Amino acid sequence: MTLIELSRGETAVITQIRSPDLKMREKLHARGLAPGAEIALMQAGKLIVVGLEHSRWALNRSEALHIEVSPLNVRLKKRRSWIHPFCRP
């Protein structure tokens, strides 16, 4: 399953980045978007916004198509400020 197949609010673990473009893979890894990272889909549309720990990253659809994920079956509740589910007090 790719990142763009997630529903808004779903969390997942990145399993693989399938891109022949080395620069794209390096860019994603530099942002922390690497296999094993737990992410949440915040917004889907022209831009895909994902939450990762204490940050948010916007990806274009072509980047998101290369990110394979495994859903965690945890949905985030709507909140004004987003906090990663594993960082809540």
N, C-alpha and C. Protein backbone atom coordinates (compact mmCIF):
# COMPACT_ATOMS: atom_id res chain seq x y z
N MET A 1 0.86 -1.17 0.00
CA MET A 1 0.00 0.00 0.00
C MET A 1 0.90 1.24 0.00
N THR A 2 0.51 2.24 -0.78
CA THR A 2 1.31 3.46 -0.82
C THR A 2 0.71 4.52 0.11
N LEU A 3 1.48 5.55 0.36
CA LEU A 3 1.06 6.63 1.26
C LEU A 3 -0.24 7.29 0.81
N ILE A 4 -0.43 7.45 -0.48
CA ILE A 4 -1.64 8.16 -0.94
C ILE A 4 -2.90 7.32 -0.78
N GLU A 5 -2.77 6.04 -0.47
CA GLU A 5 -3.94 5.18 -0.25
C GLU A 5 -4.47 5.27 1.18
N LEU A 6 -3.74 5.91 2.08
CA LEU A 6 -4.21 6.08 3.45
C LEU A 6 -5.35 7.09 3.48
N SER A 7 -6.19 6.98 4.48
CA SER A 7 -7.24 7.97 4.72
C SER A 7 -6.71 9.03 5.67
N ARG A 8 -7.29 10.21 5.59
CA ARG A 8 -6.87 11.29 6.46
C ARG A 8 -7.03 10.87 7.93
N GLY A 9 -5.99 11.11 8.72
CA GLY A 9 -6.02 10.75 10.14
C GLY A 9 -5.45 9.38 10.44
N GLU A 10 -5.22 8.55 9.43
CA GLU A 10 -4.66 7.22 9.66
C GLU A 10 -3.17 7.30 9.95
N THR A 11 -2.69 6.38 10.76
CA THR A 11 -1.26 6.29 11.04
C THR A 11 -0.72 5.03 10.38
N ALA A 12 0.57 5.06 10.08
CA ALA A 12 1.20 3.93 9.40
C ALA A 12 2.70 3.95 9.66
N VAL A 13 3.33 2.84 9.34
CA VAL A 13 4.79 2.72 9.41
C VAL A 13 5.29 2.63 7.98
N ILE A 14 6.33 3.39 7.68
CA ILE A 14 6.94 3.30 6.35
C ILE A 14 7.69 1.99 6.26
N THR A 15 7.38 1.21 5.23
CA THR A 15 8.04 -0.09 5.05
C THR A 15 9.14 -0.03 4.00
N GLN A 16 8.94 0.84 2.99
CA GLN A 16 9.93 0.89 1.92
C GLN A 16 9.74 2.16 1.11
N ILE A 17 10.84 2.66 0.56
CA ILE A 17 10.77 3.78 -0.38
C ILE A 17 11.24 3.25 -1.72
N ARG A 18 10.31 3.20 -2.67
CA ARG A 18 10.61 2.65 -3.99
C ARG A 18 10.75 3.79 -4.99
N SER A 19 11.96 4.24 -5.14
CA SER A 19 12.21 5.30 -6.11
C SER A 19 13.55 5.05 -6.76
N PRO A 20 13.60 5.09 -8.09
CA PRO A 20 14.89 4.93 -8.75
C PRO A 20 15.76 6.19 -8.61
N ASP A 21 15.14 7.29 -8.17
CA ASP A 21 15.83 8.57 -8.05
C ASP A 21 16.54 8.66 -6.70
N LEU A 22 17.86 8.59 -6.72
CA LEU A 22 18.66 8.63 -5.49
C LEU A 22 18.46 9.94 -4.74
N LYS A 23 18.37 11.07 -5.46
CA LYS A 23 18.19 12.37 -4.80
C LYS A 23 16.87 12.41 -4.04
N MET A 24 15.80 11.84 -4.61
CA MET A 24 14.50 11.82 -3.92
C MET A 24 14.60 10.99 -2.65
N ARG A 25 15.23 9.82 -2.73
CA ARG A 25 15.38 8.96 -1.54
C ARG A 25 16.19 9.67 -0.46
N GLU A 26 17.26 10.35 -0.85
CA GLU A 26 18.07 11.08 0.13
C GLU A 26 17.29 12.22 0.77
N LYS A 27 16.50 12.92 -0.03
CA LYS A 27 15.67 14.03 0.48
C LYS A 27 14.67 13.51 1.50
N LEU A 28 14.00 12.40 1.20
CA LEU A 28 13.02 11.83 2.12
C LEU A 28 13.70 11.34 3.40
N HIS A 29 14.85 10.69 3.27
CA HIS A 29 15.58 10.20 4.45
C HIS A 29 16.03 11.36 5.32
N ALA A 30 16.44 12.46 4.71
CA ALA A 30 16.88 13.64 5.48
C ALA A 30 15.74 14.22 6.29
N ARG A 31 14.51 14.08 5.82
CA ARG A 31 13.33 14.56 6.54
C ARG A 31 12.89 13.58 7.62
N GLY A 32 13.48 12.40 7.65
CA GLY A 32 13.07 11.39 8.61
C GLY A 32 12.07 10.40 8.05
N LEU A 33 11.74 10.54 6.78
CA LEU A 33 10.80 9.64 6.12
C LEU A 33 11.59 8.45 5.57
N ALA A 34 11.81 7.48 6.44
CA ALA A 34 12.61 6.31 6.12
C ALA A 34 11.90 5.07 6.64
N PRO A 35 12.26 3.89 6.15
CA PRO A 35 11.64 2.66 6.67
C PRO A 35 11.71 2.59 8.19
N GLY A 36 10.58 2.25 8.79
CA GLY A 36 10.48 2.16 10.25
C GLY A 36 9.87 3.39 10.90
N ALA A 37 9.80 4.51 10.16
CA ALA A 37 9.24 5.74 10.72
C ALA A 37 7.72 5.64 10.81
N GLU A 38 7.16 6.10 11.92
CA GLU A 38 5.71 6.12 12.11
C GLU A 38 5.20 7.50 11.71
N ILE A 39 4.22 7.51 10.82
CA ILE A 39 3.69 8.76 10.28
C ILE A 39 2.18 8.77 10.38
N ALA A 40 1.60 9.95 10.24
CA ALA A 40 0.14 10.11 10.20
C ALA A 40 -0.20 10.99 9.00
N LEU A 41 -1.21 10.60 8.26
CA LEU A 41 -1.63 11.40 7.12
C LEU A 41 -2.52 12.53 7.61
N MET A 42 -2.06 13.76 7.41
CA MET A 42 -2.77 14.93 7.89
C MET A 42 -3.68 15.54 6.83
N GLN A 43 -3.24 15.49 5.57
CA GLN A 43 -3.99 16.11 4.49
C GLN A 43 -3.67 15.38 3.20
N ALA A 44 -4.68 15.20 2.37
CA ALA A 44 -4.48 14.58 1.06
C ALA A 44 -5.11 15.47 0.00
N GLY A 45 -4.48 15.60 -1.11
CA GLY A 45 -4.95 16.44 -2.20
C GLY A 45 -3.81 16.63 -3.17
N LYS A 46 -3.63 17.84 -3.68
CA LYS A 46 -2.48 18.09 -4.54
C LYS A 46 -1.19 17.87 -3.76
N LEU A 47 -1.19 18.29 -2.51
CA LEU A 47 -0.07 18.03 -1.62
C LEU A 47 -0.50 17.02 -0.57
N ILE A 48 0.40 16.15 -0.21
CA ILE A 48 0.17 15.17 0.84
C ILE A 48 0.93 15.67 2.06
N VAL A 49 0.24 15.91 3.17
CA VAL A 49 0.89 16.39 4.39
C VAL A 49 0.90 15.25 5.39
N VAL A 50 2.11 14.94 5.88
CA VAL A 50 2.25 13.88 6.87
C VAL A 50 2.86 14.46 8.14
N GLY A 51 2.44 13.90 9.26
CA GLY A 51 3.01 14.25 10.55
C GLY A 51 4.02 13.19 10.94
N LEU A 52 5.16 13.64 11.41
CA LEU A 52 6.24 12.75 11.81
C LEU A 52 6.85 13.31 13.07
N GLU A 53 6.66 12.64 14.19
CA GLU A 53 7.11 13.11 15.50
C GLU A 53 6.59 14.52 15.75
N HIS A 54 7.46 15.52 15.82
CA HIS A 54 7.01 16.89 16.12
C HIS A 54 7.03 17.79 14.90
N SER A 55 6.97 17.22 13.72
CA SER A 55 7.03 18.04 12.51
C SER A 55 6.00 17.57 11.49
N ARG A 56 5.76 18.41 10.52
CA ARG A 56 4.88 18.09 9.40
C ARG A 56 5.66 18.30 8.12
N TRP A 57 5.44 17.43 7.15
CA TRP A 57 6.10 17.56 5.86
C TRP A 57 5.06 17.49 4.76
N ALA A 58 5.21 18.34 3.78
CA ALA A 58 4.35 18.34 2.60
C ALA A 58 5.10 17.64 1.47
N LEU A 59 4.45 16.69 0.85
CA LEU A 59 5.02 15.95 -0.27
C LEU A 59 4.12 16.12 -1.48
N ASN A 60 4.70 16.10 -2.67
CA ASN A 60 3.84 16.08 -3.83
C ASN A 60 3.42 14.63 -4.09
N ARG A 61 2.42 14.45 -4.91
CA ARG A 61 1.87 13.11 -5.13
C ARG A 61 2.91 12.15 -5.71
N SER A 62 3.80 12.65 -6.57
CA SER A 62 4.80 11.76 -7.17
C SER A 62 5.76 11.22 -6.11
N GLU A 63 6.06 12.01 -5.09
CA GLU A 63 6.91 11.52 -3.99
C GLU A 63 6.14 10.51 -3.15
N ALA A 64 4.89 10.82 -2.85
CA ALA A 64 4.07 9.94 -2.00
C ALA A 64 3.81 8.58 -2.66
N LEU A 65 3.76 8.54 -3.98
CA LEU A 65 3.54 7.27 -4.68
C LEU A 65 4.67 6.28 -4.47
N HIS A 66 5.86 6.78 -4.14
CA HIS A 66 7.02 5.91 -3.96
C HIS A 66 7.17 5.42 -2.53
N ILE A 67 6.32 5.87 -1.61
CA ILE A 67 6.45 5.50 -0.20
C ILE A 67 5.45 4.39 0.13
N GLU A 68 5.97 3.21 0.43
CA GLU A 68 5.15 2.06 0.83
C GLU A 68 4.95 2.11 2.34
N VAL A 69 3.71 1.87 2.79
CA VAL A 69 3.40 1.93 4.22
C VAL A 69 2.60 0.71 4.66
N SER A 70 2.60 0.49 5.95
CA SER A 70 1.78 -0.54 6.57
C SER A 70 0.92 0.16 7.63
N PRO A 71 -0.41 0.16 7.48
CA PRO A 71 -1.28 0.87 8.43
C PRO A 71 -1.16 0.31 9.84
N LEU A 72 -1.31 1.21 10.83
CA LEU A 72 -1.26 0.82 12.24
C LEU A 72 -2.65 0.67 12.85
N ASN A 73 -3.70 0.95 12.10
CA ASN A 73 -5.08 0.87 12.59
C ASN A 73 -5.33 1.78 13.78
N VAL A 74 -4.65 2.92 13.80
CA VAL A 74 -4.85 3.94 14.83
C VAL A 74 -5.27 5.20 14.11
N ARG A 75 -6.40 5.76 14.49
CA ARG A 75 -6.86 7.00 13.87
C ARG A 75 -6.65 8.14 14.83
N LEU A 76 -6.21 9.26 14.31
CA LEU A 76 -6.03 10.45 15.13
C LEU A 76 -7.36 11.16 15.28
N LYS A 77 -7.59 11.72 16.44
CA LYS A 77 -8.77 12.54 16.65
C LYS A 77 -8.49 13.92 16.10
N LYS A 78 -9.55 14.61 15.67
CA LYS A 78 -9.36 15.97 15.19
C LYS A 78 -8.95 16.85 16.35
N ARG A 79 -7.89 17.62 16.14
CA ARG A 79 -7.40 18.56 17.14
C ARG A 79 -6.92 19.80 16.43
N ARG A 80 -6.87 20.88 17.16
CA ARG A 80 -6.33 22.11 16.57
C ARG A 80 -4.84 21.97 16.31
N SER A 81 -4.11 21.53 17.30
CA SER A 81 -2.68 21.33 17.10
C SER A 81 -2.41 19.83 17.15
N TRP A 82 -1.69 19.39 16.17
CA TRP A 82 -1.45 17.97 16.05
C TRP A 82 -0.27 17.55 16.92
N ILE A 83 -0.44 16.45 17.65
CA ILE A 83 0.62 15.87 18.46
C ILE A 83 0.70 14.40 18.08
N HIS A 84 1.89 13.94 17.78
CA HIS A 84 2.06 12.54 17.40
C HIS A 84 1.48 11.66 18.51
N PRO A 85 0.76 10.60 18.16
CA PRO A 85 0.10 9.78 19.18
C PRO A 85 1.05 9.18 20.21
N PHE A 86 2.31 9.02 19.88
CA PHE A 86 3.25 8.42 20.81
C PHE A 86 3.95 9.46 21.68
N CYS A 87 3.64 10.74 21.47
CA CYS A 87 4.26 11.82 22.24
C CYS A 87 3.27 12.50 23.18
N ARG A 88 2.06 11.98 23.25
CA ARG A 88 1.06 12.60 24.11
C ARG A 88 1.38 12.32 25.57
N PRO A 89 1.07 13.28 26.44
CA PRO A 89 1.35 13.06 27.87
C PRO A 89 0.43 12.03 28.48
